[in-house]
């Protein structure tokens, strides 16, 4: 299974703050090894509502759909803010409890990563190539990279 090709099509990055669950669409991320730990590196822009919960709780899940059944929900969650919408309700998404974190996962045929932040770093615009800075960060709304220790990874239905 080439998980990166599925990720390019879109995945749900989900956070929880108290009783409030929020999800956003991502299509960028990295899976690797750091400090002898399996990690998922999620990129979240400064302006995103998701960033507030992530900074507060330090836990997230990534649900990577393995078919096109979530295409409409991914489009909605990638274009609307959790500040203005309850995206779970608006999209009729079903949640399942995380196995190792207090953040739920989106129920669908997917690969799920459950993560706890072990390191976070805001991108330094001065360290990126001028080409990418102009292409992706002309507005100054850069990403914070959240290096999440993968506590569980599994296929879900």
C-alpha atoms as a PDB file:
ATOM      1  CA  UNK A   1       0.000   0.000   0.000  1.00  0.00           C
ATOM      2  CA  UNK A   2       1.395   3.381  -0.971  1.00  0.00           C
ATOM      3  CA  UNK A   3       0.057   5.498   1.878  1.00  0.00           C
ATOM      4  CA  UNK A   4       1.631   8.659   0.450  1.00  0.00           C
ATOM      5  CA  UNK A   5      -0.545   8.508  -2.677  1.00  0.00           C
ATOM      6  CA  UNK A   6      -3.644   8.236  -0.493  1.00  0.00           C
ATOM      7  CA  UNK A   7      -2.422  11.132   1.667  1.00  0.00           C
ATOM      8  CA  UNK A   8      -1.990  13.314  -1.445  1.00  0.00           C
ATOM      9  CA  UNK A   9      -5.726  12.874  -2.118  1.00  0.00           C
ATOM     10  CA  UNK A  10      -6.527  14.209   1.354  1.00  0.00           C
ATOM     11  CA  UNK A  11      -6.749  13.052   4.945  1.00  0.00           C
ATOM     12  CA  UNK A  12      -8.459  14.241   8.116  1.00  0.00           C
ATOM     13  CA  UNK A  13      -6.280  15.704  10.872  1.00  0.00           C
ATOM     14  CA  UNK A  14      -8.477  15.672  13.960  1.00  0.00           C
ATOM     15  CA  UNK A  15      -8.069  17.389  17.324  1.00  0.00           C
ATOM     16  CA  UNK A  16     -10.142  17.588  20.487  1.00  0.00           C
ATOM     17  CA  UNK A  17     -10.271  20.324  23.099  1.00  0.00           C
ATOM     18  CA  UNK A  18     -12.636  19.425  25.933  1.00  0.00           C
ATOM     19  CA  UNK A  19     -15.803  18.223  24.223  1.00  0.00           C
ATOM     20  CA  UNK A  20     -15.078  20.065  20.984  1.00  0.00           C
ATOM     21  CA  UNK A  21     -13.846  17.886  18.140  1.00  0.00           C
ATOM     22  CA  UNK A  22     -12.510  19.573  15.025  1.00  0.00           C
ATOM     23  CA  UNK A  23     -11.045  18.166  11.843  1.00  0.00           C
ATOM     24  CA  UNK A  24      -9.278  19.694   8.883  1.00  0.00           C
ATOM     25  CA  UNK A  25      -8.095  18.360   5.563  1.00  0.00           C
ATOM     26  CA  UNK A  26      -4.403  17.809   4.989  1.00  0.00           C
ATOM     27  CA  UNK A  27      -2.614  16.496   1.938  1.00  0.00           C
ATOM     28  CA  UNK A  28       0.927  17.181   3.095  1.00  0.00           C
ATOM     29  CA  UNK A  29       2.743  15.219   5.783  1.00  0.00           C
ATOM     30  CA  UNK A  30       5.655  12.940   6.462  1.00  0.00           C
ATOM     31  CA  UNK A  31       6.062   9.545   8.036  1.00  0.00           C
ATOM     32  CA  UNK A  32       9.496   8.692   9.379  1.00  0.00           C
ATOM     33  CA  UNK A  33      11.695   7.928  12.345  1.00  0.00           C
ATOM     34  CA  UNK A  34      13.044  10.467  14.862  1.00  0.00           C
ATOM     35  CA  UNK A  35      14.749   9.777  18.187  1.00  0.00           C
ATOM     36  CA  UNK A  36      14.029   6.061  17.685  1.00  0.00           C
ATOM     37  CA  UNK A  37      10.300   6.794  17.440  1.00  0.00           C
ATOM     38  CA  UNK A  38       7.938   6.403  14.508  1.00  0.00           C
ATOM     39  CA  UNK A  39       6.584   9.855  13.683  1.00  0.00           C
ATOM     40  CA  UNK A  40       3.933  11.530  11.580  1.00  0.00           C
ATOM     41  CA  UNK A  41       4.862  15.125  10.808  1.00  0.00           C
ATOM     42  CA  UNK A  42       1.727  17.198  10.298  1.00  0.00           C
ATOM     43  CA  UNK A  43       1.862  20.717   8.899  1.00  0.00           C
ATOM     44  CA  UNK A  44      -0.687  23.211  10.253  1.00  0.00           C
ATOM     45  CA  UNK A  45      -0.781  26.873   9.238  1.00  0.00           C
ATOM     46  CA  UNK A  46      -0.738  29.582  11.893  1.00  0.00           C
ATOM     47  CA  UNK A  47      -4.199  30.775  10.837  1.00  0.00           C
ATOM     48  CA  UNK A  48      -5.962  27.418  11.282  1.00  0.00           C
ATOM     49  CA  UNK A  49      -8.447  26.888  14.089  1.00  0.00           C
ATOM     50  CA  UNK A  50      -7.063  23.362  14.488  1.00  0.00           C
ATOM     51  CA  UNK A  51      -3.763  24.842  15.678  1.00  0.00           C
ATOM     52  CA  UNK A  52      -5.363  26.163  18.883  1.00  0.00           C
ATOM     53  CA  UNK A  53      -6.425  22.702  20.109  1.00  0.00           C
ATOM     54  CA  UNK A  54      -3.230  21.081  18.894  1.00  0.00           C
ATOM     55  CA  UNK A  55      -1.087  23.565  20.817  1.00  0.00           C
ATOM     56  CA  UNK A  56      -3.235  23.084  23.912  1.00  0.00           C
ATOM     57  CA  UNK A  57      -3.608  19.281  24.010  1.00  0.00           C
ATOM     58  CA  UNK A  58      -0.659  17.946  22.027  1.00  0.00           C
ATOM     59  CA  UNK A  59      -2.633  15.052  20.554  1.00  0.00           C
ATOM     60  CA  UNK A  60      -4.022  14.412  17.095  1.00  0.00           C
ATOM     61  CA  UNK A  61      -5.220  11.682  14.804  1.00  0.00           C
ATOM     62  CA  UNK A  62      -4.809  11.392  11.068  1.00  0.00           C
ATOM     63  CA  UNK A  63      -7.400   9.388   9.140  1.00  0.00           C
ATOM     64  CA  UNK A  64      -6.268   8.624   5.588  1.00  0.00           C
ATOM     65  CA  UNK A  65      -9.250   7.375   3.507  1.00  0.00           C
ATOM     66  CA  UNK A  66      -8.480   4.458   1.196  1.00  0.00           C
ATOM     67  CA  UNK A  67     -11.252   5.193  -1.288  1.00  0.00           C
ATOM     68  CA  UNK A  68     -13.193   8.190  -2.635  1.00  0.00           C
ATOM     69  CA  UNK A  69     -16.164   7.889  -0.238  1.00  0.00           C
ATOM     70  CA  UNK A  70     -14.989  10.900   1.809  1.00  0.00           C
ATOM     71  CA  UNK A  71     -14.235  13.198  -1.130  1.00  0.00           C
ATOM     72  CA  UNK A  72     -17.070  15.677  -0.377  1.00  0.00           C
ATOM     73  CA  UNK A  73     -16.286  15.778   3.344  1.00  0.00           C
ATOM     74  CA  UNK A  74     -12.590  16.344   2.627  1.00  0.00           C
ATOM     75  CA  UNK A  75     -13.489  19.218   0.307  1.00  0.00           C
ATOM     76  CA  UNK A  76     -15.736  20.809   2.948  1.00  0.00           C
ATOM     77  CA  UNK A  77     -13.241  20.323   5.795  1.00  0.00           C
ATOM     78  CA  UNK A  78     -10.479  21.795   3.669  1.00  0.00           C
ATOM     79  CA  UNK A  79     -12.409  24.934   2.771  1.00  0.00           C
ATOM     80  CA  UNK A  80     -14.337  25.795   5.963  1.00  0.00           C
ATOM     81  CA  UNK A  81     -13.063  26.787   9.385  1.00  0.00           C
ATOM     82  CA  UNK A  82     -13.911  25.079  12.642  1.00  0.00           C
ATOM     83  CA  UNK A  83     -14.334  28.596  14.045  1.00  0.00           C
ATOM     84  CA  UNK A  84     -17.493  28.924  11.950  1.00  0.00           C
ATOM     85  CA  UNK A  85     -18.740  25.358  11.468  1.00  0.00           C
ATOM     86  CA  UNK A  86     -19.098  22.110  13.361  1.00  0.00           C
ATOM     87  CA  UNK A  87     -17.528  20.190  10.492  1.00  0.00           C
ATOM     88  CA  UNK A  88     -18.273  16.791  12.040  1.00  0.00           C
ATOM     89  CA  UNK A  89     -21.994  17.612  12.138  1.00  0.00           C
ATOM     90  CA  UNK A  90     -22.103  19.461   8.804  1.00  0.00           C
ATOM     91  CA  UNK A  91     -20.518  16.517   6.967  1.00  0.00           C
ATOM     92  CA  UNK A  92     -22.373  13.805   8.885  1.00  0.00           C
ATOM     93  CA  UNK A  93     -19.069  12.243   9.915  1.00  0.00           C
ATOM     94  CA  UNK A  94     -19.081   9.357  12.362  1.00  0.00           C
ATOM     95  CA  UNK A  95     -16.403   9.198  15.031  1.00  0.00           C
ATOM     96  CA  UNK A  96     -14.698   6.304  16.760  1.00  0.00           C
ATOM     97  CA  UNK A  97     -12.690   6.594  19.954  1.00  0.00           C
ATOM     98  CA  UNK A  98      -8.946   6.704  19.610  1.00  0.00           C
ATOM     99  CA  UNK A  99      -7.217   3.616  20.976  1.00  0.00           C
ATOM    100  CA  UNK A 100      -4.327   5.472  22.631  1.00  0.00           C
ATOM    101  CA  UNK A 101      -5.260   9.164  22.606  1.00  0.00           C
ATOM    102  CA  UNK A 102      -8.261  11.204  23.709  1.00  0.00           C
ATOM    103  CA  UNK A 103      -8.876  12.305  20.114  1.00  0.00           C
ATOM    104  CA  UNK A 104     -11.377  10.406  17.966  1.00  0.00           C
ATOM    105  CA  UNK A 105     -10.837   9.143  14.445  1.00  0.00           C
ATOM    106  CA  UNK A 106     -13.135   9.559  11.463  1.00  0.00           C
ATOM    107  CA  UNK A 107     -14.981   6.301  10.712  1.00  0.00           C
ATOM    108  CA  UNK A 108     -14.252   5.158   7.161  1.00  0.00           C
ATOM    109  CA  UNK A 109     -12.132   2.659   5.276  1.00  0.00           C
ATOM    110  CA  UNK A 110      -8.769   4.153   6.151  1.00  0.00           C
ATOM    111  CA  UNK A 111      -5.334   3.990   7.673  1.00  0.00           C
ATOM    112  CA  UNK A 112      -5.297   5.755  11.029  1.00  0.00           C
ATOM    113  CA  UNK A 113      -2.377   7.335  12.869  1.00  0.00           C
ATOM    114  CA  UNK A 114      -2.794   8.252  16.532  1.00  0.00           C
ATOM    115  CA  UNK A 115      -0.141  10.723  17.636  1.00  0.00           C
ATOM    116  CA  UNK A 116       1.204  12.704  20.563  1.00  0.00           C
ATOM    117  CA  UNK A 117       3.286  15.781  19.763  1.00  0.00           C
ATOM    118  CA  UNK A 118       6.913  15.303  20.747  1.00  0.00           C
ATOM    119  CA  UNK A 119       8.273  18.397  18.994  1.00  0.00           C
ATOM    120  CA  UNK A 120       6.775  21.410  17.236  1.00  0.00           C
ATOM    121  CA  UNK A 121       8.587  24.025  15.202  1.00  0.00           C
ATOM    122  CA  UNK A 122       7.235  27.010  13.286  1.00  0.00           C
ATOM    123  CA  UNK A 123       8.794  27.224   9.852  1.00  0.00           C
ATOM    124  CA  UNK A 124      11.435  29.908   9.446  1.00  0.00           C
ATOM    125  CA  UNK A 125      10.745  31.763   6.204  1.00  0.00           C
ATOM    126  CA  UNK A 126      14.394  32.832   6.063  1.00  0.00           C
ATOM    127  CA  UNK A 127      15.480  29.201   5.743  1.00  0.00           C
ATOM    128  CA  UNK A 128      13.346  28.276   2.729  1.00  0.00           C
ATOM    129  CA  UNK A 129      14.116  28.753  -0.911  1.00  0.00           C
ATOM    130  CA  UNK A 130      12.738  31.970  -2.418  1.00  0.00           C
ATOM    131  CA  UNK A 131      10.832  29.875  -4.958  1.00  0.00           C
ATOM    132  CA  UNK A 132       8.875  27.935  -2.303  1.00  0.00           C
ATOM    133  CA  UNK A 133       8.443  30.988  -0.110  1.00  0.00           C
ATOM    134  CA  UNK A 134       6.807  32.851  -3.010  1.00  0.00           C
ATOM    135  CA  UNK A 135       4.780  29.826  -4.118  1.00  0.00           C
ATOM    136  CA  UNK A 136       3.377  28.761  -0.735  1.00  0.00           C
ATOM    137  CA  UNK A 137       3.994  31.504   1.853  1.00  0.00           C
ATOM    138  CA  UNK A 138       3.720  34.839   0.106  1.00  0.00           C
ATOM    139  CA  UNK A 139       1.083  35.870   2.662  1.00  0.00           C
ATOM    140  CA  UNK A 140       3.325  34.969   5.613  1.00  0.00           C
ATOM    141  CA  UNK A 141       0.851  32.315   6.858  1.00  0.00           C
ATOM    142  CA  UNK A 142       3.459  29.616   7.409  1.00  0.00           C
ATOM    143  CA  UNK A 143       3.100  26.160   8.883  1.00  0.00           C
ATOM    144  CA  UNK A 144       4.103  24.776  12.229  1.00  0.00           C
ATOM    145  CA  UNK A 145       5.480  21.265  11.857  1.00  0.00           C
ATOM    146  CA  UNK A 146       4.106  18.955  14.533  1.00  0.00           C
ATOM    147  CA  UNK A 147       6.286  15.896  14.971  1.00  0.00           C
ATOM    148  CA  UNK A 148       3.800  13.417  16.397  1.00  0.00           C
ATOM    149  CA  UNK A 149       5.039  10.200  17.947  1.00  0.00           C
ATOM    150  CA  UNK A 150       2.901   7.495  16.370  1.00  0.00           C
ATOM    151  CA  UNK A 151       1.317   5.677  19.300  1.00  0.00           C
ATOM    152  CA  UNK A 152      -0.861   3.488  17.061  1.00  0.00           C
ATOM    153  CA  UNK A 153      -1.294   2.904  13.340  1.00  0.00           C
ATOM    154  CA  UNK A 154      -3.956   0.595  11.960  1.00  0.00           C
ATOM    155  CA  UNK A 155      -6.453  -0.016   9.192  1.00  0.00           C
ATOM    156  CA  UNK A 156     -10.067   0.829   9.996  1.00  0.00           C
ATOM    157  CA  UNK A 157     -13.371   0.148   8.262  1.00  0.00           C
END
